[in-house]
Amino acid sequence: MLLSGEGISVPASESRALFLAADPHSTFEAPEPRVLLADSDADPLAVGTRVAFARRVGILLHSQSDASSILTGRRIRFRCFDLHPMESHPDPDAYLIGLDATVDLANPEYELTLVRGKRDYLAATAPGTMLQGWSRRRPRSRPYFHPSAIFPKLSRALVNLTRCRRGDIFLEPFAGTGSIAIEASLVGADVVAVDVADPMARGALSNMRHLAQEWMGIIRADSAQLPVRGVRAVATDIPYGRASSTRGRSPDAMVELLLPELARAMDPGSFLVLMHPQGLKVQSRSDFAVEEEHHLHVHKLLTRTITVLKRR
């Protein structure tokens, strides 16, 4: 995996989560920033169709025979990424020589991708599968907009951190305009969304319909009294501030009310991802164990924290 360069810990954790969802025995090595190597039975090209914070995901090539077994008869192009300034440019012919493949710069099936850092990493990648259409789903392009909506790329990363798989029941307990629910639906989860505010619930429904996505339903209910069970994954952005529907509750109070409800709703071993203000400290407890914590700098007055918890 060639991770995106935001300088945060989310990209590596998101990629690891996707591989672990398909193969729990996956192991990882991070030899340098932005490079993550996985030893896994998971399909890296399938991971590429879901990942948000990665530039390329592919099959590491150790030899000419590795490259030939994947790329023979394919339409390919060569692409190089330098992790830091280099004194020279690579010669594509040196990497393409001996490959029985057709060079197609406009419409390749695969890229022969070279990543140059402390060492060279050569991989077969399929960049076309990673075109996620983020701009088509940005909050202002949807029928119902609210300033609290988060962008699709971050929403997808929150979904991926839950390790949800196709067909899993996915819950969004603070649905808002449906940003996270939409991304969960796009990766094949069976989505149930909850919001206490009627305008939000109806707005999220219109956004889902606008994008031709199906879900199990949206329920207008208080997240402190969740009417669902058998949930395999949960991701949510804890509401805060005057623009959100909080019923007068602080973020701390909402989390304290939410966690016991989620403990009843979620299956053991499933994952919960909470995005919340940095000042709110979420700690391990008898029903949930904190697995990871990530920090996103929004602006000088706001840093958001993403906490990943596992249902015990």
Protein backbone atom coordinates (compact mmCIF):
# COMPACT_ATOMS: atom_id res chain seq x y z
CA MET A 1 0.00 0.00 0.00
CA LEU A 2 1.19 3.47 -0.93
CA LEU A 3 -0.62 5.54 1.69
CA SER A 4 -1.82 9.09 1.20
CA GLY A 5 0.38 11.83 2.57
CA GLU A 6 -1.83 13.62 5.09
CA GLY A 7 0.67 12.96 7.87
CA ILE A 8 -1.90 11.30 10.15
CA SER A 9 -2.19 7.78 11.55
CA VAL A 10 -5.56 6.98 9.92
CA PRO A 11 -4.27 5.80 6.49
CA ALA A 12 -2.16 2.93 7.83
CA SER A 13 -4.86 1.83 10.29
CA GLU A 14 -7.57 1.95 7.62
CA SER A 15 -5.55 -0.26 5.27
CA ARG A 16 -4.73 -2.70 8.06
CA ALA A 17 -8.41 -2.89 9.03
CA LEU A 18 -9.45 -3.77 5.47
CA PHE A 19 -6.92 -6.58 5.20
CA LEU A 20 -7.82 -7.92 8.66
CA ALA A 21 -11.52 -7.91 7.76
CA ALA A 22 -10.79 -10.35 4.92
CA ASP A 23 -7.98 -12.27 6.62
CA PRO A 24 -7.66 -11.96 10.42
CA HIS A 25 -4.21 -13.57 10.24
CA SER A 26 -2.74 -10.77 8.12
CA THR A 27 0.57 -9.37 9.33
CA PHE A 28 2.09 -6.00 8.47
CA GLU A 29 5.37 -4.18 8.11
CA ALA A 30 5.81 -0.41 7.83
CA PRO A 31 9.37 0.00 6.53
CA GLU A 32 9.04 3.76 6.01
CA PRO A 33 6.40 6.52 6.04
CA ARG A 34 3.55 6.02 3.52
CA VAL A 35 4.52 2.40 2.79
CA LEU A 36 2.65 -0.50 4.35
CA LEU A 37 3.41 -4.11 3.41
CA ALA A 38 0.91 -6.88 4.16
CA ASP A 39 1.41 -10.64 4.24
CA SER A 40 -2.19 -11.69 3.71
CA ASP A 41 -4.60 -13.95 1.85
CA ALA A 42 -6.86 -10.93 1.29
CA ASP A 43 -7.15 -9.66 -2.29
CA PRO A 44 -5.23 -6.36 -2.41
CA LEU A 45 -7.11 -5.23 -5.51
CA ALA A 46 -10.41 -5.71 -3.64
CA VAL A 47 -8.99 -3.62 -0.80
CA GLY A 48 -8.23 -0.95 -3.39
CA THR A 49 -11.91 -0.66 -4.32
CA ARG A 50 -12.76 0.38 -0.74
CA VAL A 51 -9.82 2.27 0.70
CA ALA A 52 -10.00 6.03 1.15
CA PHE A 53 -6.56 7.17 2.34
CA ALA A 54 -4.26 5.33 -0.08
CA ARG A 55 -2.83 6.26 -3.47
CA ARG A 56 -2.16 2.71 -4.66
CA VAL A 57 -2.81 -0.82 -3.42
CA GLY A 58 -1.32 -3.76 -5.28
CA ILE A 59 0.63 -6.98 -5.41
CA LEU A 60 4.30 -6.65 -4.53
CA LEU A 61 6.51 -8.04 -7.30
CA HIS A 62 9.72 -9.75 -6.25
CA SER A 63 10.84 -11.01 -9.66
CA GLN A 64 10.28 -10.88 -13.41
CA SER A 65 8.23 -14.07 -13.19
CA ASP A 66 5.93 -12.44 -10.62
CA ALA A 67 5.32 -9.56 -13.02
CA SER A 68 4.78 -11.86 -16.01
CA SER A 69 2.26 -14.05 -14.17
CA ILE A 70 0.00 -11.04 -13.50
CA LEU A 71 0.63 -8.70 -16.44
CA THR A 72 1.06 -11.01 -19.45
CA GLY A 73 -1.51 -10.13 -22.10
CA ARG A 74 -2.73 -7.08 -20.17
CA ARG A 75 -2.90 -3.41 -21.07
CA ILE A 76 -0.45 -1.66 -18.77
CA ARG A 77 1.33 1.59 -18.09
CA PHE A 78 4.28 2.49 -15.89
CA ARG A 79 3.92 4.89 -12.96
CA CYS A 80 6.51 6.09 -10.46
CA PHE A 81 6.00 7.71 -7.05
CA ASP A 82 8.95 9.27 -5.23
CA LEU A 83 8.60 9.47 -1.45
CA HIS A 84 11.26 12.19 -1.33
CA PRO A 85 13.17 14.17 -3.98
CA MET A 86 15.35 11.97 -6.16
CA GLU A 87 18.38 12.96 -8.24
CA SER A 88 17.35 10.84 -11.23
CA HIS A 89 14.22 9.69 -13.03
CA PRO A 90 13.53 5.98 -13.59
CA ASP A 91 13.73 4.45 -17.05
CA PRO A 92 10.34 2.78 -17.70
CA ASP A 93 11.84 0.51 -20.35
CA ALA A 94 14.06 -1.07 -17.73
CA TYR A 95 10.96 -2.31 -15.92
CA LEU A 96 8.78 -3.11 -18.94
CA ILE A 97 11.38 -5.07 -20.88
CA GLY A 98 10.55 -8.74 -21.16
CA LEU A 99 6.87 -8.26 -20.28
CA ASP A 100 4.45 -9.64 -22.86
CA ALA A 101 1.97 -6.80 -22.32
CA THR A 102 0.59 -3.86 -24.30
CA VAL A 103 1.48 -0.35 -23.19
CA ASP A 104 -1.72 1.70 -22.98
CA LEU A 105 -1.34 5.08 -21.29
CA ALA A 106 -5.00 6.09 -21.62
CA ASN A 107 -6.90 2.97 -20.59
CA PRO A 108 -4.67 0.45 -18.78
CA GLU A 109 -5.95 -2.60 -16.92
CA TYR A 110 -2.95 -2.49 -14.60
CA GLU A 111 -0.15 -0.17 -13.67
CA LEU A 112 3.38 -1.35 -13.09
CA THR A 113 3.92 0.94 -10.09
CA LEU A 114 7.33 1.85 -8.74
CA VAL A 115 7.56 3.50 -5.33
CA ARG A 116 11.01 4.90 -4.58
CA GLY A 117 11.97 5.56 -0.98
CA LYS A 118 14.74 4.10 1.17
CA ARG A 119 14.39 1.15 -1.22
CA ASP A 120 12.39 0.44 -4.36
CA TYR A 121 8.98 -1.22 -4.20
CA LEU A 122 7.57 -2.59 -7.47
CA ALA A 123 3.91 -3.60 -7.57
CA ALA A 124 1.08 -4.49 -9.93
CA THR A 125 -1.79 -2.12 -9.18
CA ALA A 126 -5.20 -1.41 -10.70
CA PRO A 127 -5.74 2.34 -10.22
CA GLY A 128 -9.04 2.37 -12.10
CA THR A 129 -10.66 0.39 -9.28
CA MET A 130 -9.68 3.12 -6.80
CA LEU A 131 -11.72 5.88 -8.45
CA GLN A 132 -14.26 6.39 -5.69
CA GLY A 133 -16.20 9.41 -7.00
CA TRP A 134 -15.75 11.46 -3.85
CA SER A 135 -16.74 14.75 -5.49
CA ARG A 136 -20.05 13.31 -6.71
CA ARG A 137 -21.03 12.61 -3.10
CA ARG A 138 -19.69 15.75 -1.41
CA PRO A 139 -22.22 17.23 1.05
CA ARG A 140 -23.24 20.24 -1.09
CA SER A 141 -23.92 18.05 -4.15
CA ARG A 142 -26.63 16.09 -2.30
CA PRO A 143 -30.30 17.17 -2.07
CA TYR A 144 -30.19 17.73 1.70
CA PHE A 145 -27.29 19.74 3.12
CA HIS A 146 -26.37 20.57 6.70
CA PRO A 147 -23.15 22.26 7.87
CA SER A 148 -22.41 19.36 10.24
CA ALA A 149 -22.04 16.89 7.34
CA ILE A 150 -18.63 15.24 6.95
CA PHE A 151 -16.99 14.53 3.62
CA PRO A 152 -17.27 11.14 1.90
CA LYS A 153 -13.55 10.31 2.04
CA LEU A 154 -13.43 10.62 5.82
CA SER A 155 -16.81 8.89 6.13
CA ARG A 156 -15.46 5.93 4.14
CA ALA A 157 -12.38 5.71 6.33
CA LEU A 158 -14.58 5.58 9.45
CA VAL A 159 -16.58 2.75 7.88
CA ASN A 160 -13.43 0.86 6.91
CA LEU A 161 -11.98 1.15 10.43
CA THR A 162 -14.94 -0.95 11.67
CA ARG A 163 -13.73 -3.89 9.50
CA CYS A 164 -17.28 -4.36 8.24
CA ARG A 165 -17.79 -6.84 5.40
CA ARG A 166 -20.41 -7.16 2.70
CA GLY A 167 -23.72 -8.21 4.26
CA ASP A 168 -22.82 -7.14 7.81
CA ILE A 169 -25.43 -5.14 9.71
CA PHE A 170 -23.97 -1.64 10.07
CA LEU A 171 -25.43 0.93 12.47
CA GLU A 172 -25.08 4.73 12.37
CA PRO A 173 -26.66 5.99 15.62
CA PHE A 174 -26.30 9.72 14.77
CA ALA A 175 -27.14 9.61 11.07
CA GLY A 176 -27.23 13.34 10.36
CA THR A 177 -27.38 13.83 6.60
CA GLY A 178 -26.38 10.21 6.01
CA SER A 179 -22.70 10.69 5.10
CA ILE A 180 -21.40 7.62 6.93
CA ALA A 181 -24.48 5.49 6.14
CA ILE A 182 -24.06 6.19 2.42
CA GLU A 183 -20.44 5.02 2.43
CA ALA A 184 -21.32 1.88 4.41
CA SER A 185 -24.02 1.08 1.88
CA LEU A 186 -21.59 1.56 -1.02
CA VAL A 187 -19.24 -1.10 0.38
CA GLY A 188 -22.08 -3.61 0.67
CA ALA A 189 -23.12 -3.40 4.33
CA ASP A 190 -26.77 -3.68 5.39
CA VAL A 191 -27.26 -0.23 6.90
CA VAL A 192 -29.54 0.88 9.72
CA ALA A 193 -29.40 4.59 10.55
CA VAL A 194 -30.87 6.41 13.55
CA ASP A 195 -31.44 10.11 14.17
CA VAL A 196 -33.57 11.86 16.74
CA ALA A 197 -34.40 14.86 14.52
CA ASP A 198 -37.17 14.40 11.97
CA PRO A 199 -35.64 16.83 9.40
CA MET A 200 -32.33 14.99 9.57
CA ALA A 201 -33.94 11.58 9.21
CA ARG A 202 -35.93 12.68 6.19
CA GLY A 203 -32.92 14.50 4.72
CA ALA A 204 -30.68 11.45 5.08
CA LEU A 205 -33.34 9.33 3.38
CA SER A 206 -33.52 11.74 0.44
CA ASN A 207 -29.72 11.73 0.12
CA MET A 208 -29.61 7.94 0.08
CA ARG A 209 -32.34 7.79 -2.56
CA HIS A 210 -30.57 10.46 -4.63
CA LEU A 211 -27.48 8.23 -4.80
CA ALA A 212 -29.60 5.14 -5.58
CA GLN A 213 -28.42 3.35 -2.45
CA GLU A 214 -30.52 0.90 -0.48
CA TRP A 215 -30.46 0.37 3.25
CA MET A 216 -32.49 -1.50 5.83
CA GLY A 217 -33.99 1.80 6.97
CA ILE A 218 -33.66 5.00 8.91
CA ILE A 219 -35.29 5.17 12.32
CA ARG A 220 -36.25 8.39 14.05
CA ALA A 221 -35.25 7.55 17.61
CA ASP A 222 -33.04 8.57 20.51
CA SER A 223 -29.63 6.88 20.36
CA ALA A 224 -29.94 6.37 24.13
CA GLN A 225 -32.70 3.84 23.35
CA LEU A 226 -31.62 1.92 20.25
CA PRO A 227 -34.24 -0.42 18.78
CA VAL A 228 -31.75 -2.75 17.02
CA ARG A 229 -29.75 -5.90 17.80
CA GLY A 230 -27.27 -8.14 15.98
CA VAL A 231 -25.09 -5.26 14.80
CA ARG A 232 -21.65 -6.13 13.40
CA ALA A 233 -20.21 -2.63 12.90
CA VAL A 234 -20.85 0.91 14.13
CA ALA A 235 -19.31 4.20 13.05
CA THR A 236 -20.54 7.65 13.99
CA ASP A 237 -19.60 11.28 14.47
CA ILE A 238 -20.71 12.38 17.96
CA PRO A 239 -22.83 15.55 17.51
CA TYR A 240 -21.58 18.74 19.12
CA GLY A 241 -22.13 22.48 18.81
CA ARG A 242 -25.18 24.59 18.05
CA ALA A 243 -25.56 23.24 14.49
CA SER A 244 -26.27 19.68 15.70
CA SER A 245 -29.25 17.99 17.32
CA THR A 246 -28.03 17.11 20.81
CA ARG A 247 -31.19 17.49 22.94
CA GLY A 248 -29.08 19.66 25.23
CA ARG A 249 -26.64 16.83 26.01
CA SER A 250 -22.90 17.34 26.04
CA PRO A 251 -20.73 15.02 23.89
CA ASP A 252 -19.56 13.30 27.10
CA ALA A 253 -23.14 12.65 28.17
CA MET A 254 -24.09 11.31 24.75
CA VAL A 255 -21.22 8.83 24.76
CA GLU A 256 -22.06 7.69 28.30
CA LEU A 257 -25.66 7.03 27.23
CA LEU A 258 -24.67 5.50 23.88
CA LEU A 259 -22.10 2.90 24.95
CA PRO A 260 -24.42 0.74 27.14
CA GLU A 261 -26.98 0.75 24.30
CA LEU A 262 -24.34 -0.30 21.77
CA ALA A 263 -23.14 -3.03 24.13
CA ARG A 264 -26.64 -4.53 23.92
CA ALA A 265 -26.90 -3.99 20.15
CA MET A 266 -23.47 -5.20 19.00
CA ASP A 267 -22.14 -8.73 18.62
CA PRO A 268 -19.00 -9.63 20.63
CA GLY A 269 -15.84 -9.09 18.63
CA SER A 270 -17.36 -6.35 16.46
CA PHE A 271 -15.90 -2.85 16.16
CA LEU A 272 -17.15 0.61 17.07
CA VAL A 273 -15.60 3.79 15.63
CA LEU A 274 -16.38 7.09 17.35
CA MET A 275 -15.30 10.49 16.04
CA HIS A 276 -15.53 13.10 18.78
CA PRO A 277 -13.96 16.31 20.15
CA GLN A 278 -10.39 15.82 21.37
CA GLY A 279 -11.32 16.90 24.87
CA LEU A 280 -13.67 13.94 25.25
CA LYS A 281 -11.68 10.98 26.57
CA VAL A 282 -13.08 7.56 25.67
CA GLN A 283 -11.56 4.81 27.78
CA SER A 284 -11.76 1.02 27.94
CA ARG A 285 -14.53 -0.42 30.08
CA SER A 286 -16.05 -3.81 30.84
CA ASP A 287 -17.98 -3.97 27.55
CA PHE A 288 -15.59 -2.17 25.16
CA ALA A 289 -11.80 -2.12 24.81
CA VAL A 290 -10.06 0.85 23.18
CA GLU A 291 -7.96 -0.49 20.30
CA GLU A 292 -6.70 2.70 18.62
CA GLU A 293 -6.87 6.47 18.81
CA HIS A 294 -6.24 8.90 15.96
CA HIS A 295 -6.20 12.70 15.87
CA LEU A 296 -7.32 14.94 12.99
CA HIS A 297 -6.37 18.61 13.05
CA VAL A 298 -9.35 20.49 11.59
CA HIS A 299 -8.19 24.06 12.34
CA LYS A 300 -6.29 25.84 15.11
CA LEU A 301 -9.28 25.70 17.46
CA LEU A 302 -10.48 22.19 16.69
CA THR A 303 -8.91 18.74 16.68
CA ARG A 304 -11.12 15.70 16.24
CA THR A 305 -10.29 12.31 17.73
CA ILE A 306 -11.21 8.97 16.20
CA THR A 307 -11.42 6.18 18.77
CA VAL A 308 -11.68 2.56 17.67
CA LEU A 309 -13.22 0.18 20.23
CA LYS A 310 -13.82 -3.57 20.19
CA ARG A 311 -16.92 -5.11 21.77
CA ARG A 312 -15.68 -7.55 24.40
